[in-house]
Amino acid sequence: MRPFFKILSYIKRISLYFFLFIIFYGIAAYLFSKITVNSEADSSFKDVIIYIKTNGVHTDIVVPLKNEIKDWTKVIEIENTKGKDTNVAFVAFGWGDKGFYLNTPRWSDLKYSTAFNAAFGLGDSAIHATFFKTINENKDCVSIAISKANYKKLIEYLEDSFLLDSNKNTIFISGTTYGLNDSFYEAKGKYSLFHTCNTWANNALKSANLKAALWTVTDTGIFCHYQ
């Protein structure tokens, strides 16, 4: 019976470690998300208006489709959407686990294997690009005015998130969309418990010297700094 009790002891110890990890993870995620970086960001510049937009879980960075600084149609093609509607003015970028994005359009589609691979960084990543004709500000969509210099830094961050082919072009993922005006592209990086879609969006704001959380895995950790 001794081997049985030894195994039981291991299981109890692992369960305790897992329980403690969840507690410390939750505390760290909450506390670090409340610490503001770039709190003295200069809001007097009105050169470019961008937005942060959430669906209640996931944060997108929304930018003008075209202006004198950047034409995003040279990076991603509207032709890759089902609707192919060129009468759009904004594009929203989101980053996340490729398996989660492509295989889980609804929460009811979530599989254990997809969640496990995403949580532990075992899958590839993708960028979700969504085109909009207009953007309406509300509690889930906040505008941010930034300088041209900081917008260029944001552009660099967003562009560097795309995985490129041998010809330095973005790689379109065909066959999967959520609607008429969106498309997916191969991306760099690994999604994990410590680097989520919201961590990526938060880091995008940091890159542009905008207010952001020290570290966050949730959308609320971003939006609380813009209330």
Protein backbone atom coordinates (compact mmCIF):
# COMPACT_ATOMS: atom_id res chain seq x y z
CA MET A 1 0.00 0.00 0.00
CA ARG A 2 3.00 2.28 0.46
CA PRO A 3 3.32 3.12 -3.30
CA PHE A 4 -0.37 4.07 -3.32
CA PHE A 5 0.07 6.53 -0.45
CA LYS A 6 3.21 7.90 -2.11
CA ILE A 7 1.26 8.57 -5.32
CA LEU A 8 -1.56 10.13 -3.29
CA SER A 9 0.95 12.38 -1.58
CA TYR A 10 2.33 13.52 -4.95
CA ILE A 11 -1.18 14.27 -6.21
CA LYS A 12 -1.95 16.33 -3.10
CA ARG A 13 1.31 18.25 -3.45
CA ILE A 14 0.72 18.98 -7.13
CA SER A 15 -2.84 20.08 -6.38
CA LEU A 16 -1.57 22.42 -3.66
CA TYR A 17 1.06 23.92 -5.98
CA PHE A 18 -1.54 24.39 -8.69
CA PHE A 19 -3.94 26.05 -6.23
CA LEU A 20 -1.19 28.41 -4.99
CA PHE A 21 -0.21 29.23 -8.57
CA ILE A 22 -3.79 30.20 -9.42
CA ILE A 23 -3.99 32.43 -6.34
CA PHE A 24 -0.67 34.20 -7.00
CA TYR A 25 -1.44 34.50 -10.71
CA GLY A 26 -4.77 36.14 -9.97
CA ILE A 27 -3.28 38.54 -7.42
CA ALA A 28 -0.39 39.51 -9.73
CA ALA A 29 -2.72 39.97 -12.69
CA TYR A 30 -4.95 42.28 -10.67
CA LEU A 31 -2.21 44.34 -8.98
CA PHE A 32 0.05 44.82 -12.01
CA SER A 33 -2.90 45.80 -14.19
CA LYS A 34 -3.65 48.70 -11.84
CA ILE A 35 -0.15 50.19 -12.10
CA THR A 36 -0.06 52.85 -14.82
CA VAL A 37 2.93 53.31 -17.08
CA ASN A 38 3.35 56.45 -19.21
CA SER A 39 0.99 58.18 -16.80
CA GLU A 40 2.39 61.54 -17.89
CA ALA A 41 1.73 60.88 -21.57
CA ASP A 42 1.20 64.15 -23.44
CA SER A 43 -2.42 64.27 -24.56
CA SER A 44 -2.12 67.70 -26.20
CA PHE A 45 -1.18 66.19 -29.57
CA LYS A 46 -4.17 65.64 -31.85
CA ASP A 47 -2.28 64.50 -34.95
CA VAL A 48 -3.82 61.03 -35.13
CA ILE A 49 -6.87 59.51 -33.43
CA ILE A 50 -6.72 55.80 -32.65
CA TYR A 51 -9.06 53.63 -30.59
CA ILE A 52 -8.99 50.73 -28.20
CA LYS A 53 -11.98 48.47 -28.67
CA THR A 54 -13.11 45.42 -26.67
CA ASN A 55 -15.72 42.74 -27.22
CA GLY A 56 -15.81 42.16 -23.48
CA VAL A 57 -12.82 39.83 -23.46
CA HIS A 58 -10.40 40.79 -26.21
CA THR A 59 -8.88 44.22 -27.00
CA ASP A 60 -8.23 45.47 -30.54
CA ILE A 61 -6.13 48.44 -31.59
CA VAL A 62 -8.07 50.50 -34.15
CA VAL A 63 -6.24 52.85 -36.51
CA PRO A 64 -7.10 54.92 -39.60
CA LEU A 65 -6.96 52.76 -42.71
CA LYS A 66 -5.11 55.49 -44.60
CA ASN A 67 -3.50 58.79 -43.77
CA GLU A 68 -0.37 60.68 -44.76
CA ILE A 69 1.69 58.53 -42.38
CA LYS A 70 0.49 55.02 -43.21
CA ASP A 71 -1.60 53.21 -45.81
CA TRP A 72 -2.53 49.84 -44.27
CA THR A 73 -3.91 48.53 -47.58
CA LYS A 74 -0.28 48.02 -48.57
CA VAL A 75 0.08 45.59 -45.65
CA ILE A 76 -3.29 43.82 -45.65
CA GLU A 77 -5.73 43.56 -48.54
CA ILE A 78 -9.45 44.28 -48.40
CA GLU A 79 -9.73 41.71 -51.20
CA ASN A 80 -9.02 39.07 -48.54
CA THR A 81 -12.38 39.75 -46.88
CA LYS A 82 -15.64 38.15 -47.94
CA GLY A 83 -17.37 41.49 -48.44
CA LYS A 84 -14.50 43.18 -50.31
CA ASP A 85 -16.03 46.51 -49.29
CA THR A 86 -13.57 49.31 -50.02
CA ASN A 87 -15.83 51.94 -48.42
CA VAL A 88 -14.10 51.62 -45.06
CA ALA A 89 -12.08 54.10 -43.00
CA PHE A 90 -10.61 52.13 -40.09
CA VAL A 91 -8.93 48.81 -39.44
CA ALA A 92 -8.79 47.04 -36.08
CA PHE A 93 -5.88 44.75 -35.26
CA GLY A 94 -6.04 41.98 -32.70
CA TRP A 95 -3.47 39.33 -31.90
CA GLY A 96 -4.03 35.91 -30.37
CA ASP A 97 -3.61 32.17 -30.45
CA LYS A 98 -4.16 30.90 -33.98
CA GLY A 99 -6.04 27.76 -32.92
CA PHE A 100 -8.30 29.76 -30.63
CA TYR A 101 -9.00 32.35 -33.32
CA LEU A 102 -9.70 29.94 -36.14
CA ASN A 103 -11.41 27.10 -34.29
CA THR A 104 -13.42 29.01 -31.69
CA PRO A 105 -15.65 31.63 -33.34
CA ARG A 106 -18.09 31.11 -30.42
CA TRP A 107 -17.38 30.08 -26.83
CA SER A 108 -19.54 27.00 -27.39
CA ASP A 109 -16.94 25.84 -29.93
CA LEU A 110 -14.11 25.83 -27.38
CA LYS A 111 -12.29 22.52 -27.02
CA TYR A 112 -10.07 21.46 -24.13
CA SER A 113 -7.12 20.88 -26.48
CA THR A 114 -7.46 24.40 -27.92
CA ALA A 115 -7.56 26.00 -24.47
CA PHE A 116 -4.63 23.91 -23.22
CA ASN A 117 -2.42 24.73 -26.21
CA ALA A 118 -3.23 28.43 -25.92
CA ALA A 119 -2.65 28.61 -22.17
CA PHE A 120 0.77 26.98 -22.33
CA GLY A 121 2.12 28.55 -25.51
CA LEU A 122 1.99 25.41 -27.61
CA GLY A 123 0.31 26.91 -30.66
CA ASP A 124 1.07 29.48 -33.31
CA SER A 125 -0.42 32.98 -33.34
CA ALA A 126 -2.49 35.03 -35.76
CA ILE A 127 -3.52 38.62 -36.35
CA HIS A 128 -7.20 39.37 -36.87
CA ALA A 129 -7.84 42.42 -39.05
CA THR A 130 -11.35 43.91 -39.12
CA PHE A 131 -12.42 46.83 -41.30
CA PHE A 132 -14.94 49.47 -40.20
CA LYS A 133 -16.72 52.29 -41.99
CA THR A 134 -17.20 54.26 -38.79
CA ILE A 135 -16.20 53.93 -35.15
CA ASN A 136 -18.64 54.77 -32.38
CA GLU A 137 -17.21 55.68 -28.99
CA ASN A 138 -18.77 54.05 -25.93
CA LYS A 139 -17.65 52.24 -22.80
CA ASP A 140 -16.18 49.48 -24.99
CA CYS A 141 -14.49 51.77 -27.50
CA VAL A 142 -12.29 54.67 -26.39
CA SER A 143 -10.50 57.22 -28.59
CA ILE A 144 -6.89 58.23 -27.96
CA ALA A 145 -5.18 61.24 -29.54
CA ILE A 146 -1.47 60.79 -30.24
CA SER A 147 1.36 62.56 -32.02
CA LYS A 148 2.68 61.57 -35.43
CA ALA A 149 5.92 60.41 -33.84
CA ASN A 150 4.11 58.07 -31.45
CA TYR A 151 1.82 56.81 -34.21
CA LYS A 152 4.91 55.82 -36.18
CA LYS A 153 6.09 53.84 -33.16
CA LEU A 154 2.70 52.12 -32.98
CA ILE A 155 2.91 51.30 -36.69
CA GLU A 156 6.31 49.74 -36.16
CA TYR A 157 4.95 47.58 -33.32
CA LEU A 158 1.92 46.44 -35.32
CA GLU A 159 3.94 45.68 -38.45
CA ASP A 160 6.51 43.76 -36.46
CA SER A 161 3.74 41.48 -35.13
CA PHE A 162 3.09 40.06 -38.61
CA LEU A 163 4.95 36.98 -39.78
CA LEU A 164 6.30 37.67 -43.28
CA ASP A 165 7.09 35.40 -46.20
CA SER A 166 10.40 35.33 -48.08
CA ASN A 167 9.27 38.35 -50.10
CA LYS A 168 8.56 40.40 -46.95
CA ASN A 169 4.78 40.17 -47.48
CA THR A 170 2.17 39.36 -44.84
CA ILE A 171 0.78 35.81 -44.97
CA PHE A 172 -2.99 35.63 -45.41
CA ILE A 173 -4.79 32.71 -43.74
CA SER A 174 -7.54 31.71 -46.15
CA GLY A 175 -10.81 29.97 -45.40
CA THR A 176 -11.67 31.55 -42.04
CA THR A 177 -13.50 34.78 -41.23
CA TYR A 178 -16.00 35.90 -38.59
CA GLY A 179 -18.01 38.09 -40.95
CA LEU A 180 -17.87 40.05 -44.19
CA ASN A 181 -15.16 42.56 -43.28
CA ASP A 182 -12.40 40.64 -41.54
CA SER A 183 -9.46 38.40 -42.32
CA PHE A 184 -6.63 36.56 -40.56
CA TYR A 185 -2.86 36.66 -41.01
CA GLU A 186 0.05 34.65 -39.66
CA ALA A 187 1.74 36.36 -36.72
CA LYS A 188 4.86 36.24 -34.61
CA GLY A 189 4.96 35.21 -30.97
CA LYS A 190 3.24 32.72 -28.70
CA TYR A 191 0.04 33.18 -26.74
CA SER A 192 0.18 31.98 -23.12
CA LEU A 193 -1.16 32.61 -19.64
CA PHE A 194 1.42 35.37 -19.33
CA HIS A 195 1.13 36.87 -22.80
CA THR A 196 -2.48 37.08 -23.92
CA CYS A 197 -4.25 39.05 -26.63
CA ASN A 198 -4.68 41.86 -24.12
CA THR A 199 -1.02 41.78 -23.12
CA TRP A 200 -0.21 42.29 -26.79
CA ALA A 201 -2.62 45.24 -27.06
CA ASN A 202 -1.29 46.73 -23.83
CA ASN A 203 2.26 46.46 -25.17
CA ALA A 204 1.10 48.21 -28.35
CA LEU A 205 0.05 51.20 -26.24
CA LYS A 206 3.34 51.10 -24.35
CA SER A 207 5.26 51.13 -27.63
CA ALA A 208 3.51 54.38 -28.59
CA ASN A 209 4.24 56.00 -25.21
CA LEU A 210 0.56 55.89 -24.29
CA LYS A 211 -1.00 55.12 -20.94
CA ALA A 212 -1.08 51.40 -20.25
CA ALA A 213 -0.89 48.83 -17.47
CA LEU A 214 2.44 47.62 -16.19
CA TRP A 215 1.21 44.15 -17.19
CA THR A 216 -2.24 42.82 -17.89
CA VAL A 217 -3.87 39.72 -19.27
CA THR A 218 -7.39 41.20 -19.38
CA ASP A 219 -9.13 43.97 -21.29
CA THR A 220 -10.21 45.63 -18.03
CA GLY A 221 -6.53 46.03 -17.17
CA ILE A 222 -6.25 48.29 -20.23
CA PHE A 223 -9.54 50.17 -20.07
CA CYS A 224 -9.25 51.08 -16.39
CA HIS A 225 -6.49 53.54 -17.37
CA TYR A 226 -8.83 55.37 -19.75
CA GLN A 227 -11.85 55.86 -17.50
